[in-house]
Amino acid sequence: MSKHVPFPAVSAEELQLAADIMRALAHPLRMKMLQYIDEKGDSCVNDIFEALEIEQSIASQHLRILRMAGLVFTRRQQKFVFYFINYPRLELAGKSAGILSQFVTAV
């Protein structure tokens, strides 16, 4: 018999934030993008789509989702937009996943 773990008290806003972050991380390509940016540092969309061998429009769409979830920041330098990781937000995602994992039991 498994021990009951009480669900932590969180606000609707916190739940929505966690859901948005998890949704953004739920795509393998976005995870690859974050990994690339982490390894290379600030990266422009051109670097990312060339490295991942995808269309520029696809890279831009996925980067927009990461930006909307607050997982990446942007910095404009002339005509280029550089992306860099919001590490505190990514850490929050890890903590959220850890909390949620307490409620998953082996079948």
PDB file of N, CA and C in Angstrom:
ATOM      1  N   MET A   1       0.835  -1.174   0.000  1.00  0.00           N
ATOM      2  CA  MET A   1       0.000   0.000   0.000  1.00  0.00           C
ATOM      3  C   MET A   1       0.880   1.238   0.000  1.00  0.00           C
ATOM      4  N   SER A   2       0.569   2.184  -0.885  1.00  0.00           N
ATOM      5  CA  SER A   2       1.399   3.376  -0.986  1.00  0.00           C
ATOM      6  C   SER A   2       0.964   4.429   0.020  1.00  0.00           C
ATOM      7  N   LYS A   3       1.936   5.200   0.454  1.00  0.00           N
ATOM      8  CA  LYS A   3       1.686   6.272   1.404  1.00  0.00           C
ATOM      9  C   LYS A   3       1.088   7.460   0.667  1.00  0.00           C
ATOM     10  N   HIS A   4       0.068   8.068   1.241  1.00  0.00           N
ATOM     11  CA  HIS A   4      -0.576   9.245   0.643  1.00  0.00           C
ATOM     12  C   HIS A   4       0.313  10.468   0.854  1.00  0.00           C
ATOM     13  N   VAL A   5       0.640  11.150  -0.232  1.00  0.00           N
ATOM     14  CA  VAL A   5       1.425  12.374  -0.160  1.00  0.00           C
ATOM     15  C   VAL A   5       0.481  13.531  -0.433  1.00  0.00           C
ATOM     16  N   PRO A   6       0.346  14.475   0.511  1.00  0.00           N
ATOM     17  CA  PRO A   6      -0.574  15.592   0.288  1.00  0.00           C
ATOM     18  C   PRO A   6      -0.070  16.502  -0.830  1.00  0.00           C
ATOM     19  N   PHE A   7      -0.987  16.957  -1.633  1.00  0.00           N
ATOM     20  CA  PHE A   7      -0.638  17.868  -2.725  1.00  0.00           C
ATOM     21  C   PHE A   7      -0.290  19.217  -2.124  1.00  0.00           C
ATOM     22  N   PRO A   8       0.852  19.806  -2.511  1.00  0.00           N
ATOM     23  CA  PRO A   8       1.240  21.089  -1.916  1.00  0.00           C
ATOM     24  C   PRO A   8       0.243  22.189  -2.281  1.00  0.00           C
ATOM     25  N   ALA A   9       0.062  23.128  -1.370  1.00  0.00           N
ATOM     26  CA  ALA A   9      -0.847  24.248  -1.623  1.00  0.00           C
ATOM     27  C   ALA A   9      -0.211  25.189  -2.634  1.00  0.00           C
ATOM     28  N   VAL A  10      -0.862  25.324  -3.781  1.00  0.00           N
ATOM     29  CA  VAL A  10      -0.382  26.240  -4.821  1.00  0.00           C
ATOM     30  C   VAL A  10      -1.576  27.015  -5.361  1.00  0.00           C
ATOM     31  N   SER A  11      -1.283  28.210  -5.832  1.00  0.00           N
ATOM     32  CA  SER A  11      -2.345  29.043  -6.384  1.00  0.00           C
ATOM     33  C   SER A  11      -2.647  28.628  -7.818  1.00  0.00           C
ATOM     34  N   ALA A  12      -3.767  29.085  -8.329  1.00  0.00           N
ATOM     35  CA  ALA A  12      -4.130  28.814  -9.721  1.00  0.00           C
ATOM     36  C   ALA A  12      -3.085  29.403 -10.662  1.00  0.00           C
ATOM     37  N   GLU A  13      -2.539  30.549 -10.294  1.00  0.00           N
ATOM     38  CA  GLU A  13      -1.506  31.191 -11.118  1.00  0.00           C
ATOM     39  C   GLU A  13      -0.240  30.342 -11.168  1.00  0.00           C
ATOM     40  N   GLU A  14       0.149  29.791 -10.021  1.00  0.00           N
ATOM     41  CA  GLU A  14       1.329  28.924  -9.979  1.00  0.00           C
ATOM     42  C   GLU A  14       1.116  27.649 -10.781  1.00  0.00           C
ATOM     43  N   LEU A  15      -0.090  27.096 -10.701  1.00  0.00           N
ATOM     44  CA  LEU A  15      -0.400  25.900 -11.490  1.00  0.00           C
ATOM     45  C   LEU A  15      -0.352  26.203 -12.983  1.00  0.00           C
ATOM     46  N   GLN A  16      -0.892  27.344 -13.381  1.00  0.00           N
ATOM     47  CA  GLN A  16      -0.870  27.726 -14.796  1.00  0.00           C
ATOM     48  C   GLN A  16       0.556  27.928 -15.280  1.00  0.00           C
ATOM     49  N   LEU A  17       1.372  28.569 -14.463  1.00  0.00           N
ATOM     50  CA  LEU A  17       2.774  28.789 -14.799  1.00  0.00           C
ATOM     51  C   LEU A  17       3.492  27.456 -14.992  1.00  0.00           C
ATOM     52  N   ALA A  18       3.286  26.535 -14.059  1.00  0.00           N
ATOM     53  CA  ALA A  18       3.918  25.217 -14.164  1.00  0.00           C
ATOM     54  C   ALA A  18       3.437  24.478 -15.412  1.00  0.00           C
ATOM     55  N   ALA A  19       2.146  24.568 -15.709  1.00  0.00           N
ATOM     56  CA  ALA A  19       1.594  23.913 -16.901  1.00  0.00           C
ATOM     57  C   ALA A  19       2.193  24.498 -18.172  1.00  0.00           C
ATOM     58  N   ASP A  20       2.334  25.821 -18.227  1.00  0.00           N
ATOM     59  CA  ASP A  20       2.918  26.477 -19.404  1.00  0.00           C
ATOM     60  C   ASP A  20       4.359  26.035 -19.611  1.00  0.00           C
ATOM     61  N   ILE A  21       5.108  25.962 -18.529  1.00  0.00           N
ATOM     62  CA  ILE A  21       6.506  25.545 -18.623  1.00  0.00           C
ATOM     63  C   ILE A  21       6.593  24.092 -19.081  1.00  0.00           C
ATOM     64  N   MET A  22       5.804  23.222 -18.478  1.00  0.00           N
ATOM     65  CA  MET A  22       5.842  21.803 -18.846  1.00  0.00           C
ATOM     66  C   MET A  22       5.409  21.590 -20.296  1.00  0.00           C
ATOM     67  N   ARG A  23       4.418  22.336 -20.733  1.00  0.00           N
ATOM     68  CA  ARG A  23       3.954  22.234 -22.122  1.00  0.00           C
ATOM     69  C   ARG A  23       5.077  22.647 -23.080  1.00  0.00           C
ATOM     70  N   ALA A  24       5.790  23.705 -22.729  1.00  0.00           N
ATOM     71  CA  ALA A  24       6.886  24.173 -23.589  1.00  0.00           C
ATOM     72  C   ALA A  24       8.011  23.146 -23.643  1.00  0.00           C
ATOM     73  N   LEU A  25       8.232  22.445 -22.550  1.00  0.00           N
ATOM     74  CA  LEU A  25       9.316  21.455 -22.495  1.00  0.00           C
ATOM     75  C   LEU A  25       8.911  20.101 -23.057  1.00  0.00           C
ATOM     76  N   ALA A  26       7.646  19.936 -23.383  1.00  0.00           N
ATOM     77  CA  ALA A  26       7.126  18.630 -23.782  1.00  0.00           C
ATOM     78  C   ALA A  26       7.411  18.254 -25.231  1.00  0.00           C
ATOM     79  N   HIS A  27       8.248  18.996 -25.919  1.00  0.00           N
ATOM     80  CA  HIS A  27       8.557  18.680 -27.313  1.00  0.00           C
ATOM     81  C   HIS A  27      10.056  18.415 -27.439  1.00  0.00           C
ATOM     82  N   PRO A  28      10.436  17.293 -28.035  1.00  0.00           N
ATOM     83  CA  PRO A  28      11.860  16.949 -28.137  1.00  0.00           C
ATOM     84  C   PRO A  28      12.701  18.006 -28.856  1.00  0.00           C
ATOM     85  N   LEU A  29      12.140  18.648 -29.862  1.00  0.00           N
ATOM     86  CA  LEU A  29      12.907  19.655 -30.592  1.00  0.00           C
ATOM     87  C   LEU A  29      13.218  20.860 -29.701  1.00  0.00           C
ATOM     88  N   ARG A  30      12.263  21.254 -28.883  1.00  0.00           N
ATOM     89  CA  ARG A  30      12.514  22.380 -27.977  1.00  0.00           C
ATOM     90  C   ARG A  30      13.573  22.007 -26.942  1.00  0.00           C
ATOM     91  N   MET A  31      13.560  20.761 -26.507  1.00  0.00           N
ATOM     92  CA  MET A  31      14.598  20.305 -25.578  1.00  0.00           C
ATOM     93  C   MET A  31      15.976  20.342 -26.262  1.00  0.00           C
ATOM     94  N   LYS A  32      16.034  19.949 -27.525  1.00  0.00           N
ATOM     95  CA  LYS A  32      17.293  20.013 -28.270  1.00  0.00           C
ATOM     96  C   LYS A  32      17.760  21.451 -28.421  1.00  0.00           C
ATOM     97  N   MET A  33      16.819  22.359 -28.642  1.00  0.00           N
ATOM     98  CA  MET A  33      17.169  23.775 -28.764  1.00  0.00           C
ATOM     99  C   MET A  33      17.770  24.299 -27.462  1.00  0.00           C
ATOM    100  N   LEU A  34      17.146  23.955 -26.351  1.00  0.00           N
ATOM    101  CA  LEU A  34      17.674  24.387 -25.060  1.00  0.00           C
ATOM    102  C   LEU A  34      19.056  23.796 -24.812  1.00  0.00           C
ATOM    103  N   GLN A  35      19.230  22.543 -25.182  1.00  0.00           N
ATOM    104  CA  GLN A  35      20.534  21.900 -25.015  1.00  0.00           C
ATOM    105  C   GLN A  35      21.587  22.616 -25.871  1.00  0.00           C
ATOM    106  N   TYR A  36      21.232  22.942 -27.103  1.00  0.00           N
ATOM    107  CA  TYR A  36      22.165  23.632 -27.995  1.00  0.00           C
ATOM    108  C   TYR A  36      22.550  24.998 -27.413  1.00  0.00           C
ATOM    109  N   ILE A  37      21.548  25.762 -26.981  1.00  0.00           N
ATOM    110  CA  ILE A  37      21.821  27.093 -26.432  1.00  0.00           C
ATOM    111  C   ILE A  37      22.673  26.973 -25.166  1.00  0.00           C
ATOM    112  N   ASP A  38      22.397  25.975 -24.349  1.00  0.00           N
ATOM    113  CA  ASP A  38      23.180  25.759 -23.133  1.00  0.00           C
ATOM    114  C   ASP A  38      24.635  25.465 -23.477  1.00  0.00           C
ATOM    115  N   GLU A  39      24.864  24.629 -24.479  1.00  0.00           N
ATOM    116  CA  GLU A  39      26.228  24.243 -24.854  1.00  0.00           C
ATOM    117  C   GLU A  39      26.976  25.375 -25.554  1.00  0.00           C
ATOM    118  N   LYS A  40      26.287  26.123 -26.421  1.00  0.00           N
ATOM    119  CA  LYS A  40      26.948  27.143 -27.239  1.00  0.00           C
ATOM    120  C   LYS A  40      26.883  28.548 -26.658  1.00  0.00           C
ATOM    121  N   GLY A  41      25.997  28.763 -25.700  1.00  0.00           N
ATOM    122  CA  GLY A  41      25.810  30.119 -25.181  1.00  0.00           C
ATOM    123  C   GLY A  41      24.816  30.855 -26.059  1.00  0.00           C
ATOM    124  N   ASP A  42      24.760  32.165 -25.912  1.00  0.00           N
ATOM    125  CA  ASP A  42      23.821  32.963 -26.699  1.00  0.00           C
ATOM    126  C   ASP A  42      23.876  32.532 -28.162  1.00  0.00           C
ATOM    127  N   SER A  43      22.721  32.254 -28.750  1.00  0.00           N
ATOM    128  CA  SER A  43      22.672  31.752 -30.123  1.00  0.00           C
ATOM    129  C   SER A  43      21.580  32.464 -30.892  1.00  0.00           C
ATOM    130  N   CYS A  44      21.868  32.781 -32.141  1.00  0.00           N
ATOM    131  CA  CYS A  44      20.828  33.374 -32.980  1.00  0.00           C
ATOM    132  C   CYS A  44      20.074  32.247 -33.691  1.00  0.00           C
ATOM    133  N   VAL A  45      18.902  32.580 -34.195  1.00  0.00           N
ATOM    134  CA  VAL A  45      18.046  31.572 -34.812  1.00  0.00           C
ATOM    135  C   VAL A  45      18.768  30.880 -35.972  1.00  0.00           C
ATOM    136  N   ASN A  46      19.601  31.627 -36.699  1.00  0.00           N
ATOM    137  CA  ASN A  46      20.350  31.023 -37.811  1.00  0.00           C
ATOM    138  C   ASN A  46      21.253  29.892 -37.322  1.00  0.00           C
ATOM    139  N   ASP A  47      21.969  30.147 -36.231  1.00  0.00           N
ATOM    140  CA  ASP A  47      22.845  29.109 -35.664  1.00  0.00           C
ATOM    141  C   ASP A  47      22.037  27.882 -35.270  1.00  0.00           C
ATOM    142  N   ILE A  48      20.892  28.128 -34.651  1.00  0.00           N
ATOM    143  CA  ILE A  48      20.077  27.033 -34.123  1.00  0.00           C
ATOM    144  C   ILE A  48      19.499  26.183 -35.238  1.00  0.00           C
ATOM    145  N   PHE A  49      18.882  26.808 -36.249  1.00  0.00           N
ATOM    146  CA  PHE A  49      18.256  25.981 -37.290  1.00  0.00           C
ATOM    147  C   PHE A  49      19.294  25.265 -38.138  1.00  0.00           C
ATOM    148  N   GLU A  50      20.461  25.882 -38.328  1.00  0.00           N
ATOM    149  CA  GLU A  50      21.512  25.193 -39.083  1.00  0.00           C
ATOM    150  C   GLU A  50      22.071  24.008 -38.299  1.00  0.00           C
ATOM    151  N   ALA A  51      22.310  24.199 -37.018  1.00  0.00           N
ATOM    152  CA  ALA A  51      22.867  23.123 -36.185  1.00  0.00           C
ATOM    153  C   ALA A  51      21.903  21.953 -36.059  1.00  0.00           C
ATOM    154  N   LEU A  52      20.607  22.256 -35.961  1.00  0.00           N
ATOM    155  CA  LEU A  52      19.615  21.202 -35.782  1.00  0.00           C
ATOM    156  C   LEU A  52      19.058  20.688 -37.113  1.00  0.00           C
ATOM    157  N   GLU A  53      19.513  21.293 -38.208  1.00  0.00           N
ATOM    158  CA  GLU A  53      19.106  20.893 -39.561  1.00  0.00           C
ATOM    159  C   GLU A  53      17.593  20.894 -39.732  1.00  0.00           C
ATOM    160  N   ILE A  54      16.992  22.044 -39.386  1.00  0.00           N
ATOM    161  CA  ILE A  54      15.555  22.234 -39.536  1.00  0.00           C
ATOM    162  C   ILE A  54      15.307  23.534 -40.293  1.00  0.00           C
ATOM    163  N   GLU A  55      14.080  23.746 -40.703  1.00  0.00           N
ATOM    164  CA  GLU A  55      13.705  24.985 -41.398  1.00  0.00           C
ATOM    165  C   GLU A  55      13.746  26.156 -40.422  1.00  0.00           C
ATOM    166  N   GLN A  56      14.080  27.321 -40.942  1.00  0.00           N
ATOM    167  CA  GLN A  56      14.141  28.527 -40.120  1.00  0.00           C
ATOM    168  C   GLN A  56      12.791  28.836 -39.495  1.00  0.00           C
ATOM    169  N   SER A  57      11.721  28.656 -40.256  1.00  0.00           N
ATOM    170  CA  SER A  57      10.384  28.963 -39.736  1.00  0.00           C
ATOM    171  C   SER A  57      10.007  28.036 -38.574  1.00  0.00           C
ATOM    172  N   ILE A  58      10.420  26.778 -38.650  1.00  0.00           N
ATOM    173  CA  ILE A  58      10.138  25.829 -37.572  1.00  0.00           C
ATOM    174  C   ILE A  58      10.917  26.221 -36.321  1.00  0.00           C
ATOM    175  N   ALA A  59      12.197  26.579 -36.504  1.00  0.00           N
ATOM    176  CA  ALA A  59      13.005  27.026 -35.370  1.00  0.00           C
ATOM    177  C   ALA A  59      12.369  28.242 -34.711  1.00  0.00           C
ATOM    178  N   SER A  60      11.940  29.195 -35.512  1.00  0.00           N
ATOM    179  CA  SER A  60      11.331  30.414 -34.976  1.00  0.00           C
ATOM    180  C   SER A  60      10.055  30.115 -34.194  1.00  0.00           C
ATOM    181  N   GLN A  61       9.230  29.214 -34.710  1.00  0.00           N
ATOM    182  CA  GLN A  61       7.989  28.854 -34.017  1.00  0.00           C
ATOM    183  C   GLN A  61       8.276  28.242 -32.648  1.00  0.00           C
ATOM    184  N   HIS A  62       9.227  27.333 -32.596  1.00  0.00           N
ATOM    185  CA  HIS A  62       9.544  26.669 -31.338  1.00  0.00           C
ATOM    186  C   HIS A  62      10.239  27.623 -30.370  1.00  0.00           C
ATOM    187  N   LEU A  63      11.078  28.501 -30.874  1.00  0.00           N
ATOM    188  CA  LEU A  63      11.717  29.490 -30.007  1.00  0.00           C
ATOM    189  C   LEU A  63      10.684  30.459 -29.432  1.00  0.00           C
ATOM    190  N   ARG A  64       9.653  30.760 -30.199  1.00  0.00           N
ATOM    191  CA  ARG A  64       8.580  31.628 -29.713  1.00  0.00           C
ATOM    192  C   ARG A  64       7.880  30.971 -28.525  1.00  0.00           C
ATOM    193  N   ILE A  65       7.626  29.665 -28.616  1.00  0.00           N
ATOM    194  CA  ILE A  65       6.984  28.939 -27.520  1.00  0.00           C
ATOM    195  C   ILE A  65       7.866  28.963 -26.268  1.00  0.00           C
ATOM    196  N   LEU A  66       9.162  28.751 -26.456  1.00  0.00           N
ATOM    197  CA  LEU A  66      10.086  28.811 -25.322  1.00  0.00           C
ATOM    198  C   LEU A  66      10.129  30.217 -24.722  1.00  0.00           C
ATOM    199  N   ARG A  67      10.080  31.218 -25.569  1.00  0.00           N
ATOM    200  CA  ARG A  67      10.087  32.610 -25.105  1.00  0.00           C
ATOM    201  C   ARG A  67       8.809  32.932 -24.343  1.00  0.00           C
ATOM    202  N   MET A  68       7.662  32.492 -24.866  1.00  0.00           N
ATOM    203  CA  MET A  68       6.375  32.761 -24.208  1.00  0.00           C
ATOM    204  C   MET A  68       6.307  32.086 -22.830  1.00  0.00           C
ATOM    205  N   ALA A  69       6.968  30.943 -22.685  1.00  0.00           N
ATOM    206  CA  ALA A  69       7.000  30.240 -21.405  1.00  0.00           C
ATOM    207  C   ALA A  69       8.058  30.827 -20.471  1.00  0.00           C
ATOM    208  N   GLY A  70       8.816  31.781 -20.977  1.00  0.00           N
ATOM    209  CA  GLY A  70       9.835  32.426 -20.155  1.00  0.00           C
ATOM    210  C   GLY A  70      11.092  31.598 -19.975  1.00  0.00           C
ATOM    211  N   LEU A  71      11.288  30.585 -20.810  1.00  0.00           N
ATOM    212  CA  LEU A  71      12.450  29.717 -20.678  1.00  0.00           C
ATOM    213  C   LEU A  71      13.685  30.268 -21.383  1.00  0.00           C
ATOM    214  N   VAL A  72      13.467  31.180 -22.316  1.00  0.00           N
ATOM    215  CA  VAL A  72      14.586  31.859 -22.975  1.00  0.00           C
ATOM    216  C   VAL A  72      14.310  33.363 -22.996  1.00  0.00           C
ATOM    217  N   PHE A  73      15.391  34.108 -22.989  1.00  0.00           N
ATOM    218  CA  PHE A  73      15.341  35.551 -23.171  1.00  0.00           C
ATOM    219  C   PHE A  73      15.900  35.858 -24.548  1.00  0.00           C
ATOM    220  N   THR A  74      15.631  37.046 -25.034  1.00  0.00           N
ATOM    221  CA  THR A  74      16.200  37.459 -26.314  1.00  0.00           C
ATOM    222  C   THR A  74      16.978  38.747 -26.138  1.00  0.00           C
ATOM    223  N   ARG A  75      17.931  38.928 -27.032  1.00  0.00           N
ATOM    224  CA  ARG A  75      18.715  40.158 -27.092  1.00  0.00           C
ATOM    225  C   ARG A  75      18.921  40.464 -28.569  1.00  0.00           C
ATOM    226  N   ARG A  76      18.529  41.651 -28.970  1.00  0.00           N
ATOM    227  CA  ARG A  76      18.685  42.041 -30.365  1.00  0.00           C
ATOM    228  C   ARG A  76      20.037  42.713 -30.554  1.00  0.00           C
ATOM    229  N   GLN A  77      20.731  42.272 -31.593  1.00  0.00           N
ATOM    230  CA  GLN A  77      22.007  42.880 -31.955  1.00  0.00           C
ATOM    231  C   GLN A  77      21.969  43.115 -33.457  1.00  0.00           C
ATOM    232  N   GLN A  78      21.759  44.360 -33.838  1.00  0.00           N
ATOM    233  CA  GLN A  78      21.539  44.755 -35.222  1.00  0.00           C
ATOM    234  C   GLN A  78      20.346  43.983 -35.777  1.00  0.00           C
ATOM    235  N   LYS A  79      20.532  43.211 -36.834  1.00  0.00           N
ATOM    236  CA  LYS A  79      19.387  42.496 -37.411  1.00  0.00           C
ATOM    237  C   LYS A  79      19.197  41.093 -36.844  1.00  0.00           C
ATOM    238  N   PHE A  80      20.048  40.696 -35.899  1.00  0.00           N
ATOM    239  CA  PHE A  80      19.978  39.356 -35.331  1.00  0.00           C
ATOM    240  C   PHE A  80      19.338  39.384 -33.948  1.00  0.00           C
ATOM    241  N   VAL A  81      18.573  38.325 -33.658  1.00  0.00           N
ATOM    242  CA  VAL A  81      18.002  38.131 -32.330  1.00  0.00           C
ATOM    243  C   VAL A  81      18.707  36.924 -31.720  1.00  0.00           C
ATOM    244  N   PHE A  82      19.337  37.154 -30.584  1.00  0.00           N
ATOM    245  CA  PHE A  82      20.047  36.090 -29.888  1.00  0.00           C
ATOM    246  C   PHE A  82      19.192  35.571 -28.740  1.00  0.00           C
ATOM    247  N   TYR A  83      19.242  34.271 -28.536  1.00  0.00           N
ATOM    248  CA  TYR A  83      18.483  33.607 -27.491  1.00  0.00           C
ATOM    249  C   TYR A  83      19.440  33.117 -26.423  1.00  0.00           C
ATOM    250  N   PHE A  84      19.050  33.282 -25.168  1.00  0.00           N
ATOM    251  CA  PHE A  84      19.810  32.708 -24.070  1.00  0.00           C
ATOM    252  C   PHE A  84      18.837  32.188 -23.030  1.00  0.00           C
ATOM    253  N   ILE A  85      19.292  31.215 -22.267  1.00  0.00           N
ATOM    254  CA  ILE A  85      18.416  30.478 -21.352  1.00  0.00           C
ATOM    255  C   ILE A  85      18.165  31.275 -20.076  1.00  0.00           C
ATOM    256  N   ASN A  86      16.939  31.224 -19.637  1.00  0.00           N
ATOM    257  CA  ASN A  86      16.533  31.779 -18.354  1.00  0.00           C
ATOM    258  C   ASN A  86      16.695  30.647 -17.334  1.00  0.00           C
ATOM    259  N   TYR A  87      17.897  30.508 -16.782  1.00  0.00           N
ATOM    260  CA  TYR A  87      18.200  29.377 -15.904  1.00  0.00           C
ATOM    261  C   TYR A  87      17.332  29.326 -14.645  1.00  0.00           C
ATOM    262  N   PRO A  88      17.005  30.459 -14.016  1.00  0.00           N
ATOM    263  CA  PRO A  88      16.107  30.368 -12.849  1.00  0.00           C
ATOM    264  C   PRO A  88      14.741  29.764 -13.206  1.00  0.00           C
ATOM    265  N   ARG A  89      14.222  30.110 -14.373  1.00  0.00           N
ATOM    266  CA  ARG A  89      12.920  29.568 -14.794  1.00  0.00           C
ATOM    267  C   ARG A  89      13.042  28.076 -15.085  1.00  0.00           C
ATOM    268  N   LEU A  90      14.157  27.680 -15.701  1.00  0.00           N
ATOM    269  CA  LEU A  90      14.390  26.262 -15.986  1.00  0.00           C
ATOM    270  C   LEU A  90      14.535  25.475 -14.680  1.00  0.00           C
ATOM    271  N   GLU A  91      15.155  26.074 -13.685  1.00  0.00           N
ATOM    272  CA  GLU A  91      15.271  25.444 -12.375  1.00  0.00           C
ATOM    273  C   GLU A  91      13.885  25.273 -11.746  1.00  0.00           C
ATOM    274  N   LEU A  92      13.035  26.274 -11.914  1.00  0.00           N
ATOM    275  CA  LEU A  92      11.656  26.181 -11.424  1.00  0.00           C
ATOM    276  C   LEU A  92      10.934  25.012 -12.094  1.00  0.00           C
ATOM    277  N   ALA A  93      11.177  24.820 -13.382  1.00  0.00           N
ATOM    278  CA  ALA A  93      10.563  23.700 -14.104  1.00  0.00           C
ATOM    279  C   ALA A  93      11.002  22.374 -13.492  1.00  0.00           C
ATOM    280  N   GLY A  94      12.286  22.272 -13.166  1.00  0.00           N
ATOM    281  CA  GLY A  94      12.787  21.046 -12.544  1.00  0.00           C
ATOM    282  C   GLY A  94      12.160  20.795 -11.192  1.00  0.00           C
ATOM    283  N   LYS A  95      12.013  21.856 -10.400  1.00  0.00           N
ATOM    284  CA  LYS A  95      11.374  21.712  -9.091  1.00  0.00           C
ATOM    285  C   LYS A  95       9.912  21.306  -9.243  1.00  0.00           C
ATOM    286  N   SER A  96       9.224  21.909 -10.209  1.00  0.00           N
ATOM    287  CA  SER A  96       7.817  21.560 -10.445  1.00  0.00           C
ATOM    288  C   SER A  96       7.687  20.092 -10.830  1.00  0.00           C
ATOM    289  N   ALA A  97       8.574  19.637 -11.697  1.00  0.00           N
ATOM    290  CA  ALA A  97       8.535  18.234 -12.120  1.00  0.00           C
ATOM    291  C   ALA A  97       8.814  17.319 -10.934  1.00  0.00           C
ATOM    292  N   GLY A  98       9.718  17.722 -10.061  1.00  0.00           N
ATOM    293  CA  GLY A  98      10.023  16.925  -8.883  1.00  0.00           C
ATOM    294  C   GLY A  98       8.832  16.808  -7.948  1.00  0.00           C
ATOM    295  N   ILE A  99       8.125  17.923  -7.767  1.00  0.00           N
ATOM    296  CA  ILE A  99       6.929  17.900  -6.923  1.00  0.00           C
ATOM    297  C   ILE A  99       5.873  16.985  -7.530  1.00  0.00           C
ATOM    298  N   LEU A 100       5.657  17.129  -8.837  1.00  0.00           N
ATOM    299  CA  LEU A 100       4.639  16.301  -9.493  1.00  0.00           C
ATOM    300  C   LEU A 100       5.010  14.826  -9.484  1.00  0.00           C
ATOM    301  N   SER A 101       6.303  14.538  -9.553  1.00  0.00           N
ATOM    302  CA  SER A 101       6.719  13.135  -9.584  1.00  0.00           C
ATOM    303  C   SER A 101       6.382  12.407  -8.283  1.00  0.00           C
ATOM    304  N   GLN A 102       6.200  13.136  -7.202  1.00  0.00           N
ATOM    305  CA  GLN A 102       5.832  12.508  -5.925  1.00  0.00           C
ATOM    306  C   GLN A 102       4.456  11.839  -6.005  1.00  0.00           C
ATOM    307  N   PHE A 103       3.646  12.277  -6.966  1.00  0.00           N
ATOM    308  CA  PHE A 103       2.291  11.784  -7.070  1.00  0.00           C
ATOM    309  C   PHE A 103       2.141  10.660  -8.071  1.00  0.00           C
ATOM    310  N   VAL A 104       3.224  10.300  -8.717  1.00  0.00           N
ATOM    311  CA  VAL A 104       3.193   9.217  -9.688  1.00  0.00           C
ATOM    312  C   VAL A 104       3.619   7.954  -8.963  1.00  0.00           C
ATOM    313  N   THR A 105       2.794   6.935  -9.069  1.00  0.00           N
ATOM    314  CA  THR A 105       3.119   5.666  -8.434  1.00  0.00           C
ATOM    315  C   THR A 105       3.344   4.611  -9.500  1.00  0.00           C
ATOM    316  N   ALA A 106       4.168   3.659  -9.169  1.00  0.00           N
ATOM    317  CA  ALA A 106       4.429   2.561 -10.107  1.00  0.00           C
ATOM    318  C   ALA A 106       3.185   1.709 -10.228  1.00  0.00           C
ATOM    319  N   VAL A 107       2.892   1.321 -11.439  1.00  0.00           N
ATOM    320  CA  VAL A 107       1.715   0.489 -11.693  1.00  0.00           C
ATOM    321  C   VAL A 107       2.089  -0.967 -11.617  1.00  0.00           C
TER     322      VAL A 107
END
